[in-house]
Amino acid sequence: MKIIKILLTIVSVLYPFAIVYFADFSGIIVAFLAILWVVRYYFAKEKFALFIGLFFVAVLFVSSFKFIYPVIISAGLFFVFLFSLKTTPMITKIALFKDPNLSEEGKKYTRNLTKIWIGFFAFNAFVSLALGFLSDKSLWAIYCGVISYLLIGTLFFGEILYRRFVLKI
């Protein structure tokens, strides 16, 4: 299962460039992703994995869907984080792994941080979708394959620095 996750990560990161700059091979790339996601579903029984696998099967028949993949991933994370606010916010769950005795102040902080991630995922889905409609798909590939990951890293590491040096926790 670990190899499937590693392959999915690598192929997903390269996906925007592969389908834009190696369009002749996009069918192979899409089929490979469909297989990987279905295999992940088979082993992990994650409904989302099955949905993504079937999505890639649909992409094989409707090629314009291929630009929706980053939107689906961001929208999926948006909903996972959003619905987690009803119970234990996603970032709180992660923080509780590190510190099972997380303070109420920490829980409030992680709830707010979850809301920031929700906003980011909404923004990322919108930008990915909007750029997918442009005729110049290289802008879409650059955003989805580089800029969005830089933004994720900036938010992730920026929060760590903020917590360490500003909040001093």
N, C-alpha and C. Protein backbone atom coordinates (compact mmCIF):
# COMPACT_ATOMS: atom_id res chain seq x y z
N MET A 1 0.83 -1.20 0.00
CA MET A 1 0.00 0.00 0.00
C MET A 1 0.87 1.25 0.00
N LYS A 2 2.01 1.17 0.67
CA LYS A 2 2.90 2.33 0.75
C LYS A 2 3.41 2.73 -0.64
N ILE A 3 3.74 1.73 -1.45
CA ILE A 3 4.22 2.02 -2.80
C ILE A 3 3.14 2.70 -3.63
N ILE A 4 1.88 2.32 -3.42
CA ILE A 4 0.76 2.95 -4.14
C ILE A 4 0.67 4.42 -3.75
N LYS A 5 0.77 4.71 -2.47
CA LYS A 5 0.72 6.10 -2.00
C LYS A 5 1.87 6.93 -2.57
N ILE A 6 3.06 6.34 -2.60
CA ILE A 6 4.23 7.04 -3.14
C ILE A 6 4.03 7.32 -4.62
N LEU A 7 3.60 6.29 -5.37
CA LEU A 7 3.36 6.47 -6.80
C LEU A 7 2.26 7.51 -7.07
N LEU A 8 1.19 7.45 -6.26
CA LEU A 8 0.11 8.43 -6.42
C LEU A 8 0.61 9.85 -6.18
N THR A 9 1.44 10.01 -5.19
CA THR A 9 1.99 11.34 -4.89
C THR A 9 2.85 11.83 -6.04
N ILE A 10 3.75 11.01 -6.51
CA ILE A 10 4.65 11.41 -7.60
C ILE A 10 3.87 11.71 -8.87
N VAL A 11 3.00 10.81 -9.27
CA VAL A 11 2.26 11.00 -10.52
C VAL A 11 1.30 12.19 -10.40
N SER A 12 0.69 12.38 -9.24
CA SER A 12 -0.22 13.51 -9.05
C SER A 12 0.51 14.84 -9.12
N VAL A 13 1.71 14.90 -8.57
CA VAL A 13 2.49 16.14 -8.63
C VAL A 13 2.91 16.44 -10.07
N LEU A 14 3.28 15.41 -10.80
CA LEU A 14 3.73 15.60 -12.19
C LEU A 14 2.56 15.70 -13.17
N TYR A 15 1.39 15.31 -12.74
CA TYR A 15 0.20 15.24 -13.60
C TYR A 15 -0.05 16.50 -14.43
N PRO A 16 -0.08 17.71 -13.84
CA PRO A 16 -0.38 18.89 -14.66
C PRO A 16 0.60 19.07 -15.82
N PHE A 17 1.88 18.83 -15.57
CA PHE A 17 2.87 18.99 -16.63
C PHE A 17 2.76 17.88 -17.66
N ALA A 18 2.49 16.68 -17.18
CA ALA A 18 2.39 15.54 -18.08
C ALA A 18 1.26 15.70 -19.07
N ILE A 19 0.08 16.14 -18.62
CA ILE A 19 -1.04 16.22 -19.56
C ILE A 19 -0.98 17.46 -20.44
N VAL A 20 -0.21 18.47 -20.04
CA VAL A 20 -0.09 19.66 -20.88
C VAL A 20 1.08 19.52 -21.84
N TYR A 21 2.23 19.12 -21.34
CA TYR A 21 3.43 19.11 -22.17
C TYR A 21 3.71 17.76 -22.84
N PHE A 22 3.04 16.72 -22.40
CA PHE A 22 3.16 15.40 -23.02
C PHE A 22 1.76 14.88 -23.34
N ALA A 23 0.98 15.73 -24.00
CA ALA A 23 -0.43 15.45 -24.27
C ALA A 23 -0.63 14.14 -25.04
N ASP A 24 0.34 13.76 -25.87
CA ASP A 24 0.21 12.51 -26.62
C ASP A 24 0.15 11.29 -25.70
N PHE A 25 0.69 11.43 -24.49
CA PHE A 25 0.73 10.32 -23.54
C PHE A 25 -0.29 10.49 -22.42
N SER A 26 -1.14 11.50 -22.53
CA SER A 26 -2.07 11.78 -21.42
C SER A 26 -3.02 10.61 -21.16
N GLY A 27 -3.40 9.86 -22.18
CA GLY A 27 -4.26 8.70 -21.98
C GLY A 27 -3.60 7.65 -21.11
N ILE A 28 -2.32 7.43 -21.33
CA ILE A 28 -1.56 6.46 -20.52
C ILE A 28 -1.47 6.95 -19.08
N ILE A 29 -1.19 8.23 -18.92
CA ILE A 29 -1.06 8.82 -17.59
C ILE A 29 -2.39 8.72 -16.84
N VAL A 30 -3.47 9.05 -17.52
CA VAL A 30 -4.80 8.99 -16.91
C VAL A 30 -5.16 7.55 -16.55
N ALA A 31 -4.89 6.62 -17.44
CA ALA A 31 -5.18 5.21 -17.16
C ALA A 31 -4.36 4.71 -15.96
N PHE A 32 -3.11 5.12 -15.90
CA PHE A 32 -2.24 4.74 -14.79
C PHE A 32 -2.79 5.27 -13.47
N LEU A 33 -3.23 6.53 -13.47
CA LEU A 33 -3.83 7.10 -12.26
C LEU A 33 -5.12 6.39 -11.88
N ALA A 34 -5.93 6.04 -12.86
CA ALA A 34 -7.17 5.31 -12.57
C ALA A 34 -6.85 3.99 -11.88
N ILE A 35 -5.88 3.29 -12.40
CA ILE A 35 -5.48 2.00 -11.80
C ILE A 35 -4.96 2.20 -10.39
N LEU A 36 -4.08 3.18 -10.19
CA LEU A 36 -3.52 3.43 -8.87
C LEU A 36 -4.61 3.76 -7.84
N TRP A 37 -5.56 4.62 -8.23
CA TRP A 37 -6.63 5.00 -7.30
C TRP A 37 -7.55 3.82 -6.99
N VAL A 38 -7.83 2.98 -7.98
CA VAL A 38 -8.68 1.81 -7.74
C VAL A 38 -7.95 0.80 -6.86
N VAL A 39 -6.66 0.63 -7.08
CA VAL A 39 -5.87 -0.27 -6.22
C VAL A 39 -5.85 0.26 -4.79
N ARG A 40 -5.70 1.58 -4.65
CA ARG A 40 -5.74 2.17 -3.30
C ARG A 40 -7.10 1.88 -2.64
N TYR A 41 -8.16 2.03 -3.40
CA TYR A 41 -9.49 1.71 -2.87
C TYR A 41 -9.57 0.25 -2.45
N TYR A 42 -9.05 -0.62 -3.29
CA TYR A 42 -9.11 -2.06 -3.02
C TYR A 42 -8.47 -2.40 -1.67
N PHE A 43 -7.32 -1.78 -1.39
CA PHE A 43 -6.61 -2.08 -0.15
C PHE A 43 -7.11 -1.27 1.04
N ALA A 44 -7.47 -0.01 0.83
CA ALA A 44 -7.81 0.87 1.95
C ALA A 44 -9.31 1.06 2.15
N LYS A 45 -10.09 0.68 1.15
CA LYS A 45 -11.56 0.84 1.21
C LYS A 45 -11.98 2.29 1.47
N GLU A 46 -11.22 3.22 0.91
CA GLU A 46 -11.56 4.64 1.00
C GLU A 46 -12.47 4.99 -0.17
N LYS A 47 -13.67 5.42 0.13
CA LYS A 47 -14.63 5.73 -0.93
C LYS A 47 -14.12 6.83 -1.85
N PHE A 48 -13.39 7.79 -1.28
CA PHE A 48 -12.84 8.87 -2.08
C PHE A 48 -11.89 8.33 -3.14
N ALA A 49 -11.11 7.31 -2.79
CA ALA A 49 -10.17 6.71 -3.74
C ALA A 49 -10.93 6.07 -4.91
N LEU A 50 -12.02 5.40 -4.61
CA LEU A 50 -12.83 4.81 -5.67
C LEU A 50 -13.42 5.90 -6.57
N PHE A 51 -13.92 6.96 -5.95
CA PHE A 51 -14.47 8.09 -6.71
C PHE A 51 -13.42 8.66 -7.68
N ILE A 52 -12.20 8.88 -7.19
CA ILE A 52 -11.14 9.43 -8.04
C ILE A 52 -10.76 8.43 -9.14
N GLY A 53 -10.70 7.16 -8.80
CA GLY A 53 -10.40 6.14 -9.81
C GLY A 53 -11.43 6.15 -10.92
N LEU A 54 -12.70 6.20 -10.55
CA LEU A 54 -13.78 6.25 -11.55
C LEU A 54 -13.77 7.56 -12.32
N PHE A 55 -13.37 8.64 -11.64
CA PHE A 55 -13.22 9.92 -12.32
C PHE A 55 -12.21 9.79 -13.47
N PHE A 56 -11.08 9.14 -13.21
CA PHE A 56 -10.07 9.00 -14.25
C PHE A 56 -10.54 8.08 -15.38
N VAL A 57 -11.39 7.12 -15.07
CA VAL A 57 -11.99 6.32 -16.14
C VAL A 57 -12.85 7.23 -17.02
N ALA A 58 -13.61 8.13 -16.40
CA ALA A 58 -14.43 9.09 -17.17
C ALA A 58 -13.55 10.00 -18.01
N VAL A 59 -12.38 10.38 -17.48
CA VAL A 59 -11.47 11.25 -18.22
C VAL A 59 -11.01 10.58 -19.51
N LEU A 60 -10.89 9.27 -19.48
CA LEU A 60 -10.50 8.55 -20.69
C LEU A 60 -11.50 8.75 -21.82
N PHE A 61 -12.76 9.01 -21.46
CA PHE A 61 -13.81 9.20 -22.46
C PHE A 61 -14.13 10.68 -22.72
N VAL A 62 -13.90 11.52 -21.74
CA VAL A 62 -14.15 12.97 -21.88
C VAL A 62 -12.87 13.69 -21.47
N SER A 63 -12.01 13.94 -22.43
CA SER A 63 -10.66 14.42 -22.13
C SER A 63 -10.64 15.80 -21.45
N SER A 64 -11.66 16.63 -21.65
CA SER A 64 -11.63 17.95 -21.01
C SER A 64 -11.76 17.85 -19.49
N PHE A 65 -12.21 16.69 -18.98
CA PHE A 65 -12.30 16.48 -17.53
C PHE A 65 -10.92 16.46 -16.86
N LYS A 66 -9.88 16.20 -17.67
CA LYS A 66 -8.55 16.03 -17.07
C LYS A 66 -8.06 17.26 -16.33
N PHE A 67 -8.64 18.42 -16.64
CA PHE A 67 -8.23 19.65 -15.96
C PHE A 67 -8.97 19.85 -14.64
N ILE A 68 -9.86 18.95 -14.31
CA ILE A 68 -10.66 19.06 -13.09
C ILE A 68 -10.00 18.36 -11.89
N TYR A 69 -9.03 17.50 -12.15
CA TYR A 69 -8.40 16.72 -11.06
C TYR A 69 -7.94 17.59 -9.88
N PRO A 70 -7.16 18.64 -10.10
CA PRO A 70 -6.74 19.46 -8.95
C PRO A 70 -7.93 20.12 -8.23
N VAL A 71 -8.98 20.41 -8.98
CA VAL A 71 -10.18 20.99 -8.38
C VAL A 71 -10.84 19.97 -7.45
N ILE A 72 -10.94 18.74 -7.91
CA ILE A 72 -11.57 17.69 -7.09
C ILE A 72 -10.77 17.44 -5.81
N ILE A 73 -9.45 17.40 -5.93
CA ILE A 73 -8.61 17.17 -4.75
C ILE A 73 -8.78 18.32 -3.76
N SER A 74 -8.70 19.56 -4.22
CA SER A 74 -8.87 20.71 -3.31
C SER A 74 -10.28 20.76 -2.75
N ALA A 75 -11.28 20.50 -3.58
CA ALA A 75 -12.66 20.51 -3.10
C ALA A 75 -12.89 19.39 -2.09
N GLY A 76 -12.30 18.23 -2.35
CA GLY A 76 -12.42 17.12 -1.40
C GLY A 76 -11.82 17.47 -0.05
N LEU A 77 -10.62 18.06 -0.07
CA LEU A 77 -9.99 18.48 1.18
C LEU A 77 -10.79 19.59 1.86
N PHE A 78 -11.34 20.48 1.04
CA PHE A 78 -12.20 21.55 1.58
C PHE A 78 -13.34 20.93 2.40
N PHE A 79 -14.02 19.96 1.82
CA PHE A 79 -15.17 19.35 2.50
C PHE A 79 -14.74 18.51 3.71
N VAL A 80 -13.64 17.80 3.60
CA VAL A 80 -13.15 17.03 4.75
C VAL A 80 -12.86 17.96 5.92
N PHE A 81 -12.14 19.04 5.66
CA PHE A 81 -11.81 19.99 6.72
C PHE A 81 -13.07 20.71 7.22
N LEU A 82 -13.95 21.08 6.30
CA LEU A 82 -15.17 21.78 6.69
C LEU A 82 -16.05 20.91 7.59
N PHE A 83 -16.30 19.68 7.17
CA PHE A 83 -17.17 18.80 7.95
C PHE A 83 -16.53 18.41 9.28
N SER A 84 -15.20 18.48 9.36
CA SER A 84 -14.54 18.16 10.63
C SER A 84 -14.86 19.21 11.70
N LEU A 85 -15.28 20.39 11.28
CA LEU A 85 -15.63 21.43 12.25
C LEU A 85 -16.86 21.05 13.08
N LYS A 86 -17.67 20.11 12.57
CA LYS A 86 -18.85 19.67 13.31
C LYS A 86 -18.47 18.83 14.53
N THR A 87 -17.31 18.17 14.47
CA THR A 87 -16.87 17.35 15.59
C THR A 87 -15.51 17.87 16.06
N THR A 88 -14.46 17.15 15.73
CA THR A 88 -13.11 17.58 16.07
C THR A 88 -12.45 18.09 14.80
N PRO A 89 -12.09 19.39 14.77
CA PRO A 89 -11.47 19.94 13.57
C PRO A 89 -10.23 19.15 13.15
N MET A 90 -10.00 19.07 11.84
CA MET A 90 -8.92 18.26 11.28
C MET A 90 -7.56 18.60 11.90
N ILE A 91 -7.22 19.87 12.02
CA ILE A 91 -5.92 20.24 12.57
C ILE A 91 -5.86 19.88 14.05
N THR A 92 -6.98 19.96 14.74
CA THR A 92 -7.02 19.55 16.15
C THR A 92 -6.72 18.06 16.26
N LYS A 93 -7.29 17.25 15.35
CA LYS A 93 -7.01 15.81 15.36
C LYS A 93 -5.52 15.55 15.20
N ILE A 94 -4.91 16.27 14.28
CA ILE A 94 -3.47 16.12 14.04
C ILE A 94 -2.68 16.54 15.28
N ALA A 95 -3.07 17.66 15.89
CA ALA A 95 -2.38 18.15 17.09
C ALA A 95 -2.54 17.20 18.26
N LEU A 96 -3.70 16.55 18.34
CA LEU A 96 -3.94 15.61 19.45
C LEU A 96 -3.07 14.36 19.36
N PHE A 97 -2.62 14.02 18.15
CA PHE A 97 -1.68 12.90 18.01
C PHE A 97 -0.36 13.25 18.70
N LYS A 98 0.06 14.49 18.54
CA LYS A 98 1.32 14.94 19.13
C LYS A 98 1.17 15.19 20.62
N ASP A 99 0.05 15.79 21.01
CA ASP A 99 -0.19 16.15 22.40
C ASP A 99 -1.62 15.79 22.79
N PRO A 100 -1.82 14.60 23.33
CA PRO A 100 -3.17 14.17 23.70
C PRO A 100 -3.84 15.08 24.75
N ASN A 101 -3.05 15.86 25.46
CA ASN A 101 -3.57 16.76 26.49
C ASN A 101 -3.59 18.21 26.00
N LEU A 102 -3.95 18.39 24.74
CA LEU A 102 -3.97 19.73 24.14
C LEU A 102 -4.90 20.64 24.95
N SER A 103 -4.40 21.82 25.27
CA SER A 103 -5.17 22.77 26.08
C SER A 103 -6.37 23.30 25.30
N GLU A 104 -7.28 23.91 26.01
CA GLU A 104 -8.44 24.53 25.36
C GLU A 104 -7.99 25.65 24.42
N GLU A 105 -6.96 26.38 24.83
CA GLU A 105 -6.41 27.44 23.96
C GLU A 105 -5.84 26.82 22.69
N GLY A 106 -5.17 25.68 22.84
CA GLY A 106 -4.63 24.96 21.68
C GLY A 106 -5.73 24.46 20.77
N LYS A 107 -6.81 23.97 21.37
CA LYS A 107 -7.94 23.50 20.57
C LYS A 107 -8.60 24.65 19.81
N LYS A 108 -8.69 25.80 20.44
CA LYS A 108 -9.26 26.98 19.76
C LYS A 108 -8.35 27.41 18.60
N TYR A 109 -7.04 27.41 18.86
CA TYR A 109 -6.08 27.77 17.83
C TYR A 109 -6.17 26.82 16.64
N THR A 110 -6.22 25.51 16.91
CA THR A 110 -6.25 24.54 15.82
C THR A 110 -7.59 24.57 15.08
N ARG A 111 -8.66 24.92 15.76
CA ARG A 111 -9.96 25.09 15.08
C ARG A 111 -9.86 26.25 14.09
N ASN A 112 -9.27 27.36 14.52
CA ASN A 112 -9.10 28.51 13.63
C ASN A 112 -8.15 28.20 12.48
N LEU A 113 -7.12 27.42 12.77
CA LEU A 113 -6.18 27.02 11.72
C LEU A 113 -6.88 26.13 10.69
N THR A 114 -7.76 25.27 11.16
CA THR A 114 -8.55 24.44 10.24
C THR A 114 -9.37 25.34 9.32
N LYS A 115 -9.92 26.41 9.85
CA LYS A 115 -10.71 27.36 9.03
C LYS A 115 -9.83 28.04 7.98
N ILE A 116 -8.59 28.34 8.34
CA ILE A 116 -7.66 28.94 7.37
C ILE A 116 -7.41 27.95 6.23
N TRP A 117 -7.19 26.67 6.57
CA TRP A 117 -6.98 25.66 5.53
C TRP A 117 -8.22 25.50 4.66
N ILE A 118 -9.39 25.60 5.25
CA ILE A 118 -10.63 25.53 4.47
C ILE A 118 -10.65 26.65 3.45
N GLY A 119 -10.31 27.85 3.88
CA GLY A 119 -10.24 28.99 2.96
C GLY A 119 -9.22 28.76 1.86
N PHE A 120 -8.07 28.20 2.22
CA PHE A 120 -7.04 27.93 1.22
C PHE A 120 -7.55 26.93 0.18
N PHE A 121 -8.15 25.84 0.64
CA PHE A 121 -8.63 24.83 -0.30
C PHE A 121 -9.72 25.38 -1.22
N ALA A 122 -10.57 26.25 -0.70
CA ALA A 122 -11.59 26.89 -1.55
C ALA A 122 -10.92 27.76 -2.60
N PHE A 123 -9.95 28.55 -2.18
CA PHE A 123 -9.20 29.42 -3.10
C PHE A 123 -8.49 28.59 -4.17
N ASN A 124 -7.82 27.53 -3.73
CA ASN A 124 -7.06 26.69 -4.65
C ASN A 124 -7.97 26.01 -5.67
N ALA A 125 -9.12 25.52 -5.22
CA ALA A 125 -10.07 24.89 -6.14
C ALA A 125 -10.56 25.91 -7.16
N PHE A 126 -10.89 27.11 -6.70
CA PHE A 126 -11.39 28.14 -7.60
C PHE A 126 -10.34 28.54 -8.65
N VAL A 127 -9.11 28.78 -8.21
CA VAL A 127 -8.06 29.19 -9.15
C VAL A 127 -7.77 28.06 -10.13
N SER A 128 -7.70 26.83 -9.65
CA SER A 128 -7.45 25.68 -10.54
C SER A 128 -8.55 25.56 -11.59
N LEU A 129 -9.80 25.74 -11.15
CA LEU A 129 -10.93 25.66 -12.08
C LEU A 129 -10.88 26.79 -13.10
N ALA A 130 -10.66 28.00 -12.63
CA ALA A 130 -10.63 29.17 -13.53
C ALA A 130 -9.52 29.03 -14.56
N LEU A 131 -8.34 28.61 -14.14
CA LEU A 131 -7.22 28.46 -15.08
C LEU A 131 -7.46 27.31 -16.05
N GLY A 132 -8.23 26.33 -15.66
CA GLY A 132 -8.57 25.21 -16.55
C GLY A 132 -9.40 25.64 -17.74
N PHE A 133 -10.09 26.79 -17.61
CA PHE A 133 -10.91 27.29 -18.72
C PHE A 133 -10.12 28.15 -19.70
N LEU A 134 -8.91 28.54 -19.33
CA LEU A 134 -8.10 29.35 -20.23
C LEU A 134 -7.60 28.51 -21.40
N SER A 135 -7.39 29.17 -22.53
CA SER A 135 -6.91 28.43 -23.69
C SER A 135 -5.44 28.04 -23.52
N ASP A 136 -4.67 28.86 -22.79
CA ASP A 136 -3.26 28.55 -22.54
C ASP A 136 -3.16 27.65 -21.30
N LYS A 137 -3.08 26.38 -21.52
CA LYS A 137 -3.07 25.42 -20.41
C LYS A 137 -1.74 25.42 -19.66
N SER A 138 -0.71 26.07 -20.19
CA SER A 138 0.56 26.11 -19.46
C SER A 138 0.42 26.92 -18.17
N LEU A 139 -0.44 27.92 -18.16
CA LEU A 139 -0.69 28.66 -16.91
C LEU A 139 -1.33 27.74 -15.88
N TRP A 140 -2.27 26.93 -16.32
CA TRP A 140 -2.91 25.95 -15.44
C TRP A 140 -1.86 24.98 -14.89
N ALA A 141 -0.99 24.47 -15.77
CA ALA A 141 0.04 23.51 -15.36
C ALA A 141 1.00 24.13 -14.35
N ILE A 142 1.41 25.35 -14.58
CA ILE A 142 2.34 26.01 -13.66
C ILE A 142 1.68 26.25 -12.30
N TYR A 143 0.43 26.69 -12.32
CA TYR A 143 -0.24 26.92 -11.04
C TYR A 143 -0.46 25.58 -10.31
N CYS A 144 -1.05 24.62 -11.00
CA CYS A 144 -1.41 23.35 -10.35
C CYS A 144 -0.19 22.49 -10.04
N GLY A 145 0.88 22.64 -10.80
CA GLY A 145 2.06 21.80 -10.61
C GLY A 145 3.17 22.43 -9.81
N VAL A 146 3.12 23.76 -9.61
CA VAL A 146 4.19 24.43 -8.86
C VAL A 146 3.62 25.39 -7.83
N ILE A 147 2.90 26.38 -8.29
CA ILE A 147 2.46 27.47 -7.41
C ILE A 147 1.58 26.96 -6.27
N SER A 148 0.63 26.09 -6.58
CA SER A 148 -0.25 25.59 -5.51
C SER A 148 0.54 24.85 -4.44
N TYR A 149 1.57 24.10 -4.85
CA TYR A 149 2.40 23.38 -3.87
C TYR A 149 3.26 24.36 -3.07
N LEU A 150 3.73 25.40 -3.72
CA LEU A 150 4.48 26.44 -2.98
C LEU A 150 3.57 27.14 -1.97
N LEU A 151 2.32 27.38 -2.35
CA LEU A 151 1.38 28.00 -1.43
C LEU A 151 1.08 27.08 -0.24
N ILE A 152 0.92 25.80 -0.51
CA ILE A 152 0.68 24.82 0.56
C ILE A 152 1.88 24.81 1.51
N GLY A 153 3.07 24.76 0.95
CA GLY A 153 4.28 24.76 1.78
C GLY A 153 4.43 26.04 2.58
N THR A 154 4.11 27.17 1.95
CA THR A 154 4.20 28.46 2.64
C THR A 154 3.22 28.51 3.80
N LEU A 155 2.00 28.07 3.57
CA LEU A 155 1.00 28.05 4.65
C LEU A 155 1.43 27.09 5.76
N PHE A 156 1.87 25.91 5.39
CA PHE A 156 2.26 24.91 6.37
C PHE A 156 3.45 25.38 7.20
N PHE A 157 4.54 25.74 6.53
CA PHE A 157 5.74 26.14 7.26
C PHE A 157 5.60 27.52 7.89
N GLY A 158 4.85 28.40 7.25
CA GLY A 158 4.57 29.72 7.83
C GLY A 158 3.84 29.60 9.14
N GLU A 159 2.91 28.68 9.22
CA GLU A 159 2.17 28.48 10.47
C GLU A 159 3.10 27.94 11.54
N ILE A 160 3.99 27.03 11.19
CA ILE A 160 4.94 26.49 12.17
C ILE A 160 5.82 27.62 12.72
N LEU A 161 6.33 28.46 11.81
CA LEU A 161 7.18 29.58 12.24
C LEU A 161 6.38 30.56 13.11
N TYR A 162 5.15 30.83 12.71
CA TYR A 162 4.29 31.73 13.48
C TYR A 162 4.06 31.17 14.89
N ARG A 163 3.76 29.90 14.96
CA ARG A 163 3.51 29.27 16.25
C ARG A 163 4.76 29.27 17.13
N ARG A 164 5.92 29.03 16.53
CA ARG A 164 7.16 28.96 17.30
C ARG A 164 7.70 30.31 17.73
N PHE A 165 7.69 31.27 16.78
CA PHE A 165 8.38 32.52 17.07
C PHE A 165 7.46 33.67 17.50
N VAL A 166 6.21 33.63 17.11
CA VAL A 166 5.28 34.69 17.52
C VAL A 166 4.49 34.24 18.74
N LEU A 167 3.86 33.07 18.65
CA LEU A 167 3.10 32.56 19.79
C LEU A 167 3.99 31.93 20.85
N LYS A 168 5.21 31.52 20.41
CA LYS A 168 6.19 30.87 21.30
C LYS A 168 5.62 29.63 22.00
N ILE A 169 4.94 28.80 21.19
CA ILE A 169 4.44 27.53 21.72
C ILE A 169 4.95 26.38 20.87
